[in-house]
């Protein structure tokens, strides 16, 4: 193996496979059909940073420990939008920075 190939192999082994990201999040309560064609439900998030179908693990905040799936898109104002049935809960959530791990 060449020195360059060895170096690239080592770099790829040291870099995390799925990065952890800090994102600006909000919550929404508008029920309907998502961009993926599915009905809104808890566990679905809207986001424009990842392809539809991407699974994210939430690492902190009120949704810490949950695995959610990006099945909708956001018009503007946030990077990640959690669905909830309660509009009061969505309002109280406000805007928060949360850490997410991209699972794939």
N, C-alpha and C. Protein backbone atom coordinates (compact mmCIF):
# COMPACT_ATOMS: atom_id res chain seq x y z
N UNK A 1 0.85 -1.17 0.00
CA UNK A 1 0.00 0.00 0.00
C UNK A 1 0.90 1.24 0.00
N UNK A 2 0.50 2.24 -0.77
CA UNK A 2 1.31 3.46 -0.84
C UNK A 2 1.14 4.28 0.43
N UNK A 3 2.02 5.23 0.61
CA UNK A 3 1.95 6.11 1.78
C UNK A 3 0.66 6.91 1.76
N UNK A 4 0.24 7.39 0.60
CA UNK A 4 -1.00 8.18 0.50
C UNK A 4 -2.21 7.31 0.85
N UNK A 5 -2.27 6.09 0.32
CA UNK A 5 -3.38 5.20 0.63
C UNK A 5 -3.43 4.88 2.11
N UNK A 6 -2.27 4.65 2.73
CA UNK A 6 -2.20 4.38 4.17
C UNK A 6 -2.68 5.58 4.96
N UNK A 7 -2.25 6.77 4.56
CA UNK A 7 -2.67 8.00 5.25
C UNK A 7 -4.18 8.19 5.14
N UNK A 8 -4.76 7.98 3.96
CA UNK A 8 -6.20 8.13 3.77
C UNK A 8 -6.98 7.11 4.61
N UNK A 9 -6.47 5.90 4.69
CA UNK A 9 -7.10 4.87 5.51
C UNK A 9 -7.10 5.27 6.98
N UNK A 10 -5.98 5.77 7.48
CA UNK A 10 -5.90 6.21 8.87
C UNK A 10 -6.82 7.38 9.16
N UNK A 11 -6.88 8.33 8.25
CA UNK A 11 -7.76 9.49 8.44
C UNK A 11 -9.21 9.04 8.49
N UNK A 12 -9.62 8.15 7.58
CA UNK A 12 -11.01 7.69 7.57
C UNK A 12 -11.35 6.90 8.83
N UNK A 13 -10.37 6.22 9.42
CA UNK A 13 -10.61 5.47 10.65
C UNK A 13 -10.75 6.41 11.85
N UNK A 14 -10.06 7.54 11.82
CA UNK A 14 -10.09 8.47 12.95
C UNK A 14 -11.30 9.40 12.92
N UNK A 15 -11.85 9.67 11.75
CA UNK A 15 -12.98 10.57 11.64
C UNK A 15 -14.26 9.85 12.05
N UNK A 16 -15.17 10.53 12.74
CA UNK A 16 -16.43 9.88 13.10
C UNK A 16 -17.24 9.57 11.85
N UNK A 17 -17.87 8.41 11.84
CA UNK A 17 -18.65 8.02 10.67
C UNK A 17 -19.88 8.89 10.51
N UNK A 18 -20.56 9.16 11.59
CA UNK A 18 -21.75 9.99 11.56
C UNK A 18 -21.56 11.15 12.53
N UNK A 19 -21.45 12.32 12.01
CA UNK A 19 -21.12 13.46 12.87
C UNK A 19 -22.26 13.85 13.81
N UNK A 20 -21.86 14.45 14.91
CA UNK A 20 -22.80 15.06 15.84
C UNK A 20 -22.88 16.53 15.47
N UNK A 21 -24.09 17.04 15.37
CA UNK A 21 -24.30 18.42 14.97
C UNK A 21 -25.15 19.14 16.00
N UNK A 22 -24.87 20.41 16.23
CA UNK A 22 -25.72 21.28 17.03
C UNK A 22 -26.62 22.03 16.06
N UNK A 23 -27.93 21.91 16.24
CA UNK A 23 -28.87 22.54 15.32
C UNK A 23 -29.91 23.36 16.09
N UNK A 24 -30.44 24.35 15.41
CA UNK A 24 -31.51 25.21 15.93
C UNK A 24 -32.83 24.46 15.73
N UNK A 25 -33.60 24.26 16.81
CA UNK A 25 -34.83 23.47 16.69
C UNK A 25 -36.05 24.23 17.20
N UNK A 26 -37.19 23.85 16.65
CA UNK A 26 -38.49 24.35 17.07
C UNK A 26 -39.44 23.17 17.09
N UNK A 27 -40.72 23.43 17.36
CA UNK A 27 -41.72 22.37 17.37
C UNK A 27 -42.96 22.87 16.65
N UNK A 28 -43.68 21.97 16.00
CA UNK A 28 -44.90 22.38 15.29
C UNK A 28 -46.04 21.41 15.60
N UNK A 29 -47.27 21.88 15.38
CA UNK A 29 -48.44 21.06 15.70
C UNK A 29 -49.42 20.96 14.53
N UNK A 30 -49.02 21.41 13.36
CA UNK A 30 -49.90 21.37 12.20
C UNK A 30 -49.97 19.95 11.66
N UNK A 31 -51.13 19.32 11.77
CA UNK A 31 -51.24 17.95 11.27
C UNK A 31 -51.53 17.99 9.77
N UNK A 32 -51.21 16.90 9.12
CA UNK A 32 -51.41 16.81 7.68
C UNK A 32 -50.49 15.80 7.07
N UNK A 33 -50.25 15.95 5.78
CA UNK A 33 -49.39 15.03 5.04
C UNK A 33 -48.01 15.67 4.90
N UNK A 34 -46.97 14.91 5.20
CA UNK A 34 -45.60 15.41 5.13
C UNK A 34 -45.08 15.39 3.69
N UNK A 35 -43.90 15.96 3.50
CA UNK A 35 -43.26 15.97 2.18
C UNK A 35 -42.99 14.56 1.67
N UNK A 36 -42.89 13.60 2.60
CA UNK A 36 -42.64 12.21 2.20
C UNK A 36 -43.94 11.46 1.88
N UNK A 37 -45.08 12.13 2.07
CA UNK A 37 -46.37 11.51 1.79
C UNK A 37 -47.01 10.82 2.97
N UNK A 38 -46.39 10.88 4.14
CA UNK A 38 -46.94 10.24 5.34
C UNK A 38 -47.70 11.24 6.20
N UNK A 39 -48.61 10.74 7.00
CA UNK A 39 -49.35 11.56 7.95
C UNK A 39 -48.40 12.00 9.07
N UNK A 40 -48.55 13.24 9.51
CA UNK A 40 -47.72 13.70 10.63
C UNK A 40 -48.01 12.86 11.87
N UNK A 41 -46.97 12.63 12.66
CA UNK A 41 -47.10 11.88 13.91
C UNK A 41 -45.86 12.17 14.75
N UNK A 42 -45.94 11.87 16.03
CA UNK A 42 -44.79 12.03 16.92
C UNK A 42 -43.69 11.08 16.42
N UNK A 43 -42.47 11.57 16.38
CA UNK A 43 -41.34 10.80 15.87
C UNK A 43 -40.91 11.25 14.49
N UNK A 44 -41.76 12.08 13.88
CA UNK A 44 -41.43 12.68 12.59
C UNK A 44 -40.88 14.07 12.85
N UNK A 45 -39.82 14.42 12.14
CA UNK A 45 -39.30 15.78 12.21
C UNK A 45 -39.22 16.35 10.80
N UNK A 46 -39.24 17.67 10.75
CA UNK A 46 -39.02 18.38 9.50
C UNK A 46 -37.62 18.96 9.54
N UNK A 47 -36.93 18.89 8.42
CA UNK A 47 -35.59 19.45 8.35
C UNK A 47 -35.13 19.54 6.91
N UNK A 48 -34.29 20.52 6.63
CA UNK A 48 -33.77 20.71 5.27
C UNK A 48 -32.30 20.34 5.15
N UNK A 49 -31.65 19.97 6.26
CA UNK A 49 -30.21 19.67 6.23
C UNK A 49 -29.90 18.25 5.78
N UNK A 50 -30.90 17.37 5.83
CA UNK A 50 -30.68 15.95 5.56
C UNK A 50 -31.68 15.44 4.53
N UNK A 51 -31.35 14.38 3.82
CA UNK A 51 -32.32 13.79 2.88
C UNK A 51 -33.53 13.23 3.63
N UNK A 52 -34.69 13.22 2.97
CA UNK A 52 -35.87 12.59 3.56
C UNK A 52 -35.56 11.15 3.88
N UNK A 53 -36.02 10.69 5.03
CA UNK A 53 -35.77 9.32 5.47
C UNK A 53 -34.60 9.17 6.42
N UNK A 54 -33.79 10.23 6.57
CA UNK A 54 -32.63 10.18 7.46
C UNK A 54 -33.08 10.00 8.90
N UNK A 55 -32.42 9.11 9.63
CA UNK A 55 -32.71 8.92 11.05
C UNK A 55 -31.70 9.72 11.87
N UNK A 56 -32.22 10.41 12.89
CA UNK A 56 -31.40 11.22 13.79
C UNK A 56 -31.63 10.76 15.21
N UNK A 57 -30.57 10.70 15.99
CA UNK A 57 -30.70 10.45 17.43
C UNK A 57 -30.53 11.79 18.12
N UNK A 58 -31.50 12.13 18.97
CA UNK A 58 -31.46 13.40 19.69
C UNK A 58 -30.67 13.16 20.97
N UNK A 59 -29.63 13.97 21.17
CA UNK A 59 -28.70 13.74 22.27
C UNK A 59 -28.93 14.61 23.49
N UNK A 60 -29.74 15.67 23.37
CA UNK A 60 -30.05 16.49 24.55
C UNK A 60 -31.38 17.20 24.35
N UNK A 61 -31.79 17.95 25.37
CA UNK A 61 -33.08 18.66 25.30
C UNK A 61 -34.24 17.75 25.67
N UNK A 62 -35.46 18.24 25.51
CA UNK A 62 -36.66 17.48 25.91
C UNK A 62 -36.83 16.15 25.15
N UNK A 63 -36.26 16.04 23.96
CA UNK A 63 -36.40 14.83 23.16
C UNK A 63 -35.17 13.92 23.26
N UNK A 64 -34.33 14.17 24.26
CA UNK A 64 -33.08 13.43 24.43
C UNK A 64 -33.34 11.92 24.47
N UNK A 65 -32.53 11.19 23.72
CA UNK A 65 -32.65 9.73 23.69
C UNK A 65 -33.56 9.21 22.60
N UNK A 66 -34.37 10.08 22.00
CA UNK A 66 -35.29 9.64 20.95
C UNK A 66 -34.56 9.52 19.62
N UNK A 67 -35.00 8.55 18.83
CA UNK A 67 -34.58 8.45 17.44
C UNK A 67 -35.77 8.90 16.61
N UNK A 68 -35.53 9.87 15.74
CA UNK A 68 -36.60 10.44 14.91
C UNK A 68 -36.20 10.30 13.45
N UNK A 69 -37.17 10.50 12.58
CA UNK A 69 -36.91 10.38 11.15
C UNK A 69 -37.32 11.66 10.44
N UNK A 70 -36.45 12.15 9.55
CA UNK A 70 -36.75 13.35 8.76
C UNK A 70 -37.68 12.94 7.63
N UNK A 71 -38.96 13.34 7.75
CA UNK A 71 -39.95 12.99 6.73
C UNK A 71 -40.69 14.21 6.22
N UNK A 72 -40.26 15.40 6.63
CA UNK A 72 -40.92 16.62 6.19
C UNK A 72 -39.88 17.71 5.98
N UNK A 73 -40.27 18.77 5.35
CA UNK A 73 -39.39 19.91 5.08
C UNK A 73 -39.88 21.13 5.85
N UNK A 74 -38.96 22.07 6.08
CA UNK A 74 -39.26 23.31 6.80
C UNK A 74 -39.28 24.44 5.79
N UNK A 75 -40.26 25.32 5.93
CA UNK A 75 -40.30 26.49 5.06
C UNK A 75 -39.18 27.47 5.38
N UNK A 76 -39.04 27.84 6.64
CA UNK A 76 -37.99 28.77 7.07
C UNK A 76 -37.96 28.84 8.58
N UNK A 77 -36.89 29.40 9.13
CA UNK A 77 -36.85 29.74 10.55
C UNK A 77 -36.19 28.76 11.50
N UNK A 78 -35.91 27.54 11.07
CA UNK A 78 -35.35 26.54 11.97
C UNK A 78 -34.62 25.50 11.13
N UNK A 79 -33.76 24.73 11.77
CA UNK A 79 -33.08 23.64 11.07
C UNK A 79 -33.74 22.30 11.34
N UNK A 80 -34.46 22.19 12.46
CA UNK A 80 -35.10 20.94 12.85
C UNK A 80 -36.40 21.28 13.55
N UNK A 81 -37.49 20.66 13.13
CA UNK A 81 -38.82 20.97 13.66
C UNK A 81 -39.47 19.67 14.12
N UNK A 82 -39.73 19.54 15.42
CA UNK A 82 -40.34 18.34 16.00
C UNK A 82 -41.86 18.44 15.92
N UNK A 83 -42.52 17.38 15.48
CA UNK A 83 -43.99 17.37 15.47
C UNK A 83 -44.51 17.02 16.86
N UNK A 84 -45.57 17.70 17.29
CA UNK A 84 -46.29 17.37 18.51
C UNK A 84 -47.78 17.59 18.25
N UNK A 85 -48.63 16.83 18.93
CA UNK A 85 -50.08 17.01 18.77
C UNK A 85 -50.55 18.27 19.48
N UNK A 86 -49.85 18.71 20.50
CA UNK A 86 -50.28 19.84 21.32
C UNK A 86 -49.66 21.15 20.84
N UNK A 87 -50.52 22.08 20.41
CA UNK A 87 -50.00 23.39 19.98
C UNK A 87 -49.44 24.16 21.18
N UNK A 88 -49.99 23.96 22.36
CA UNK A 88 -49.44 24.59 23.56
C UNK A 88 -48.02 24.09 23.83
N UNK A 89 -47.83 22.78 23.68
CA UNK A 89 -46.50 22.21 23.86
C UNK A 89 -45.52 22.75 22.82
N UNK A 90 -45.99 22.87 21.58
CA UNK A 90 -45.14 23.42 20.52
C UNK A 90 -44.75 24.86 20.84
N UNK A 91 -45.71 25.65 21.30
CA UNK A 91 -45.45 27.06 21.65
C UNK A 91 -44.45 27.14 22.81
N UNK A 92 -44.66 26.30 23.84
CA UNK A 92 -43.78 26.32 25.01
C UNK A 92 -42.36 25.82 24.70
N UNK A 93 -42.24 24.99 23.67
CA UNK A 93 -40.92 24.49 23.28
C UNK A 93 -40.02 25.65 22.86
N UNK A 94 -40.59 26.60 22.16
CA UNK A 94 -39.83 27.77 21.73
C UNK A 94 -38.76 27.40 20.71
N UNK A 95 -37.58 27.96 20.89
CA UNK A 95 -36.43 27.71 20.01
C UNK A 95 -35.28 27.24 20.89
N UNK A 96 -34.68 26.11 20.54
CA UNK A 96 -33.60 25.52 21.34
C UNK A 96 -32.50 24.98 20.45
N UNK A 97 -31.30 25.03 20.94
CA UNK A 97 -30.18 24.34 20.30
C UNK A 97 -30.15 22.92 20.84
N UNK A 98 -30.12 21.94 19.94
CA UNK A 98 -30.03 20.55 20.37
C UNK A 98 -28.90 19.86 19.60
N UNK A 99 -28.35 18.84 20.21
CA UNK A 99 -27.33 18.02 19.55
C UNK A 99 -28.01 16.82 18.93
N UNK A 100 -27.67 16.55 17.67
CA UNK A 100 -28.22 15.38 16.99
C UNK A 100 -27.07 14.57 16.40
N UNK A 101 -27.26 13.28 16.38
CA UNK A 101 -26.31 12.38 15.71
C UNK A 101 -27.02 11.80 14.50
N UNK A 102 -26.41 11.91 13.34
CA UNK A 102 -26.98 11.36 12.12
C UNK A 102 -26.71 9.85 12.09
N UNK A 103 -27.79 9.07 12.10
CA UNK A 103 -27.65 7.62 12.10
C UNK A 103 -27.66 7.06 10.69
N UNK A 104 -28.25 7.77 9.79
CA UNK A 104 -28.28 7.32 8.39
C UNK A 104 -29.63 7.46 7.78
